[in-house]
Amino acid sequence: MALFTCREVPDVASDYISREGSKRTRLMVAIHLAQCSNCRTYIRGLKIARSIAAESLRGSVPTALLQNLGLNTPDRGGSFKEPNE
């Protein structure tokens, strides 16, 4: 069983997080993540980004989070203004 390399992890990261794809692939990714802190950080960041995106679709992103990301609160049309506009 060949393990994934760091270059291959981004190609399967979304499926890994969603628990899609084959069990074999997920196992190989999990083994790689157990050994690679950089890829663990990548997966953690991807999970956070997906969570923020999902929350934004529900319209419930906390103002403090938007400010921490450097975004202003939504205008009346529902879109976000870039900082320093």
N, C-alpha and C. Protein backbone atom coordinates (compact mmCIF):
# COMPACT_ATOMS: atom_id res chain seq x y z
N MET A 1 0.85 -1.17 0.00
CA MET A 1 0.00 0.00 0.00
C MET A 1 0.89 1.23 0.00
N ALA A 2 0.82 2.00 -1.09
CA ALA A 2 1.62 3.22 -1.20
C ALA A 2 0.92 4.35 -0.48
N LEU A 3 1.66 5.07 0.34
CA LEU A 3 1.09 6.20 1.07
C LEU A 3 1.06 7.42 0.17
N PHE A 4 0.19 8.34 0.52
CA PHE A 4 0.11 9.59 -0.21
C PHE A 4 1.31 10.47 0.13
N THR A 5 1.69 11.31 -0.83
CA THR A 5 2.71 12.31 -0.59
C THR A 5 2.01 13.64 -0.31
N CYS A 6 2.78 14.60 0.17
CA CYS A 6 2.22 15.92 0.45
C CYS A 6 1.61 16.55 -0.80
N ARG A 7 2.19 16.29 -1.94
CA ARG A 7 1.66 16.86 -3.19
C ARG A 7 0.33 16.24 -3.58
N GLU A 8 0.05 15.03 -3.13
CA GLU A 8 -1.19 14.35 -3.50
C GLU A 8 -2.34 14.65 -2.54
N VAL A 9 -2.04 15.04 -1.33
CA VAL A 9 -3.07 15.25 -0.31
C VAL A 9 -4.10 16.30 -0.74
N PRO A 10 -3.73 17.45 -1.30
CA PRO A 10 -4.75 18.42 -1.70
C PRO A 10 -5.75 17.87 -2.71
N ASP A 11 -5.32 16.92 -3.54
CA ASP A 11 -6.22 16.34 -4.55
C ASP A 11 -7.35 15.52 -3.93
N VAL A 12 -7.13 14.97 -2.75
CA VAL A 12 -8.14 14.12 -2.11
C VAL A 12 -8.64 14.70 -0.79
N ALA A 13 -8.17 15.89 -0.43
CA ALA A 13 -8.50 16.47 0.88
C ALA A 13 -9.99 16.69 1.06
N SER A 14 -10.65 17.20 0.05
CA SER A 14 -12.08 17.48 0.17
C SER A 14 -12.86 16.18 0.37
N ASP A 15 -12.53 15.16 -0.39
CA ASP A 15 -13.18 13.86 -0.23
C ASP A 15 -12.88 13.28 1.15
N TYR A 16 -11.66 13.45 1.61
CA TYR A 16 -11.28 12.94 2.93
C TYR A 16 -12.13 13.60 4.02
N ILE A 17 -12.25 14.91 3.95
CA ILE A 17 -13.03 15.65 4.95
C ILE A 17 -14.51 15.26 4.89
N SER A 18 -15.02 15.08 3.68
CA SER A 18 -16.43 14.73 3.50
C SER A 18 -16.70 13.24 3.71
N ARG A 19 -15.65 12.50 3.94
CA ARG A 19 -15.73 11.04 4.10
C ARG A 19 -16.31 10.37 2.86
N GLU A 20 -15.91 10.90 1.72
CA GLU A 20 -16.30 10.32 0.44
C GLU A 20 -15.08 9.60 -0.12
N GLY A 21 -15.26 8.91 -1.21
CA GLY A 21 -14.16 8.16 -1.79
C GLY A 21 -14.00 6.82 -1.10
N SER A 22 -13.00 6.10 -1.51
CA SER A 22 -12.83 4.74 -0.99
C SER A 22 -12.25 4.76 0.43
N LYS A 23 -12.57 3.71 1.16
CA LYS A 23 -12.01 3.56 2.51
C LYS A 23 -10.50 3.44 2.45
N ARG A 24 -10.00 2.79 1.42
CA ARG A 24 -8.55 2.62 1.26
C ARG A 24 -7.86 3.98 1.13
N THR A 25 -8.43 4.83 0.29
CA THR A 25 -7.85 6.17 0.09
C THR A 25 -7.89 6.96 1.39
N ARG A 26 -9.03 6.92 2.08
CA ARG A 26 -9.14 7.65 3.34
C ARG A 26 -8.13 7.13 4.37
N LEU A 27 -7.93 5.82 4.39
CA LEU A 27 -6.95 5.23 5.31
C LEU A 27 -5.54 5.69 4.96
N MET A 28 -5.21 5.71 3.67
CA MET A 28 -3.87 6.14 3.26
C MET A 28 -3.63 7.60 3.61
N VAL A 29 -4.66 8.44 3.44
CA VAL A 29 -4.55 9.85 3.81
C VAL A 29 -4.38 9.97 5.32
N ALA A 30 -5.16 9.22 6.08
CA ALA A 30 -5.07 9.27 7.55
C ALA A 30 -3.69 8.87 8.03
N ILE A 31 -3.10 7.87 7.41
CA ILE A 31 -1.75 7.46 7.79
C ILE A 31 -0.76 8.57 7.48
N HIS A 32 -0.91 9.19 6.32
CA HIS A 32 -0.02 10.30 5.97
C HIS A 32 -0.17 11.45 6.97
N LEU A 33 -1.42 11.77 7.32
CA LEU A 33 -1.66 12.87 8.25
C LEU A 33 -1.07 12.59 9.63
N ALA A 34 -1.06 11.32 10.02
CA ALA A 34 -0.47 10.96 11.32
C ALA A 34 1.02 11.25 11.35
N GLN A 35 1.64 11.30 10.18
CA GLN A 35 3.08 11.50 10.10
C GLN A 35 3.48 12.90 9.63
N CYS A 36 2.54 13.69 9.13
CA CYS A 36 2.90 14.96 8.49
C CYS A 36 2.14 16.13 9.10
N SER A 37 2.81 16.93 9.88
CA SER A 37 2.16 18.07 10.53
C SER A 37 1.75 19.14 9.52
N ASN A 38 2.49 19.29 8.42
CA ASN A 38 2.11 20.29 7.41
C ASN A 38 0.78 19.95 6.77
N CYS A 39 0.57 18.69 6.45
CA CYS A 39 -0.69 18.28 5.83
C CYS A 39 -1.83 18.31 6.85
N ARG A 40 -1.54 18.02 8.11
CA ARG A 40 -2.57 18.16 9.15
C ARG A 40 -3.02 19.61 9.23
N THR A 41 -2.08 20.53 9.17
CA THR A 41 -2.40 21.95 9.19
C THR A 41 -3.23 22.33 7.97
N TYR A 42 -2.87 21.80 6.81
CA TYR A 42 -3.62 22.07 5.58
C TYR A 42 -5.06 21.58 5.72
N ILE A 43 -5.25 20.36 6.19
CA ILE A 43 -6.59 19.79 6.35
C ILE A 43 -7.38 20.60 7.37
N ARG A 44 -6.74 20.98 8.47
CA ARG A 44 -7.42 21.78 9.50
C ARG A 44 -7.89 23.10 8.90
N GLY A 45 -7.04 23.76 8.11
CA GLY A 45 -7.40 25.02 7.47
C GLY A 45 -8.54 24.85 6.48
N LEU A 46 -8.52 23.75 5.74
CA LEU A 46 -9.58 23.48 4.78
C LEU A 46 -10.91 23.25 5.50
N LYS A 47 -10.86 22.54 6.62
CA LYS A 47 -12.09 22.33 7.41
C LYS A 47 -12.65 23.66 7.91
N ILE A 48 -11.77 24.54 8.37
CA ILE A 48 -12.20 25.85 8.86
C ILE A 48 -12.80 26.66 7.72
N ALA A 49 -12.14 26.66 6.57
CA ALA A 49 -12.64 27.41 5.42
C ALA A 49 -14.01 26.90 4.97
N ARG A 50 -14.17 25.58 4.96
CA ARG A 50 -15.46 25.00 4.58
C ARG A 50 -16.54 25.39 5.58
N SER A 51 -16.18 25.38 6.85
CA SER A 51 -17.14 25.75 7.89
C SER A 51 -17.57 27.20 7.75
N ILE A 52 -16.61 28.08 7.51
CA ILE A 52 -16.93 29.51 7.33
C ILE A 52 -17.80 29.70 6.09
N ALA A 53 -17.47 29.02 5.01
CA ALA A 53 -18.27 29.14 3.79
C ALA A 53 -19.70 28.65 4.03
N ALA A 54 -19.84 27.52 4.72
CA ALA A 54 -21.17 26.99 5.00
C ALA A 54 -21.97 27.95 5.87
N GLU A 55 -21.34 28.51 6.88
CA GLU A 55 -22.02 29.47 7.75
C GLU A 55 -22.41 30.72 6.99
N SER A 56 -21.57 31.15 6.07
CA SER A 56 -21.88 32.37 5.34
C SER A 56 -23.10 32.17 4.44
N LEU A 57 -23.29 30.96 3.96
CA LEU A 57 -24.47 30.68 3.15
C LEU A 57 -25.74 30.70 3.99
N ARG A 58 -25.59 30.44 5.28
CA ARG A 58 -26.74 30.50 6.17
C ARG A 58 -26.94 31.92 6.71
N GLY A 59 -26.00 32.81 6.41
CA GLY A 59 -26.12 34.20 6.81
C GLY A 59 -25.86 34.45 8.27
N SER A 60 -25.10 33.58 8.94
CA SER A 60 -24.90 33.77 10.37
C SER A 60 -23.43 33.84 10.76
N VAL A 61 -22.63 34.51 9.95
CA VAL A 61 -21.22 34.68 10.28
C VAL A 61 -21.11 35.76 11.35
N PRO A 62 -20.51 35.43 12.48
CA PRO A 62 -20.39 36.43 13.55
C PRO A 62 -19.58 37.63 13.10
N THR A 63 -20.00 38.81 13.51
CA THR A 63 -19.31 40.05 13.15
C THR A 63 -17.85 40.02 13.58
N ALA A 64 -17.58 39.47 14.76
CA ALA A 64 -16.19 39.41 15.25
C ALA A 64 -15.32 38.60 14.30
N LEU A 65 -15.85 37.50 13.74
CA LEU A 65 -15.09 36.69 12.80
C LEU A 65 -14.80 37.48 11.53
N LEU A 66 -15.82 38.17 11.02
CA LEU A 66 -15.61 38.99 9.83
C LEU A 66 -14.53 40.04 10.07
N GLN A 67 -14.55 40.65 11.24
CA GLN A 67 -13.54 41.66 11.56
C GLN A 67 -12.16 41.02 11.66
N ASN A 68 -12.08 39.84 12.26
CA ASN A 68 -10.79 39.14 12.36
C ASN A 68 -10.24 38.77 10.99
N LEU A 69 -11.14 38.53 10.04
CA LEU A 69 -10.73 38.20 8.68
C LEU A 69 -10.44 39.44 7.85
N GLY A 70 -10.68 40.61 8.45
CA GLY A 70 -10.42 41.86 7.75
C GLY A 70 -11.55 42.28 6.84
N LEU A 71 -12.75 41.76 7.08
CA LEU A 71 -13.91 42.13 6.27
C LEU A 71 -14.83 43.03 7.08
N ASN A 72 -15.50 43.91 6.39
CA ASN A 72 -16.50 44.73 7.04
C ASN A 72 -17.81 43.99 7.06
N THR A 73 -18.75 44.47 7.85
CA THR A 73 -20.06 43.84 7.90
C THR A 73 -20.79 44.04 6.58
N PRO A 74 -21.78 43.19 6.28
CA PRO A 74 -22.48 43.31 5.01
C PRO A 74 -23.22 44.64 4.90
N ASP A 75 -23.27 45.17 3.68
CA ASP A 75 -24.08 46.37 3.46
C ASP A 75 -25.55 45.93 3.33
N ARG A 76 -26.41 46.85 3.07
CA ARG A 76 -27.84 46.51 3.02
C ARG A 76 -28.18 45.57 1.89
N GLY A 77 -27.35 45.50 0.85
CA GLY A 77 -27.60 44.59 -0.25
C GLY A 77 -27.13 43.18 0.04
N GLY A 78 -26.47 42.99 1.17
CA GLY A 78 -26.04 41.67 1.55
C GLY A 78 -24.63 41.31 1.11
N SER A 79 -23.94 42.21 0.41
CA SER A 79 -22.58 41.91 0.00
C SER A 79 -21.59 42.52 1.00
N PHE A 80 -20.38 42.02 0.96
CA PHE A 80 -19.36 42.50 1.88
C PHE A 80 -18.51 43.56 1.20
N LYS A 81 -18.19 44.59 1.94
CA LYS A 81 -17.30 45.64 1.44
C LYS A 81 -15.88 45.28 1.80
N GLU A 82 -14.98 45.51 0.88
CA GLU A 82 -13.56 45.29 1.16
C GLU A 82 -13.09 46.33 2.17
N PRO A 83 -12.14 45.98 3.00
CA PRO A 83 -11.61 46.94 3.96
C PRO A 83 -11.00 48.14 3.22
N ASN A 84 -11.09 49.29 3.84
CA ASN A 84 -10.49 50.54 3.33
C ASN A 84 -11.06 50.96 1.99
N GLU A 85 -12.34 50.71 1.78
CA GLU A 85 -12.98 51.15 0.54
C GLU A 85 -13.35 52.59 0.64
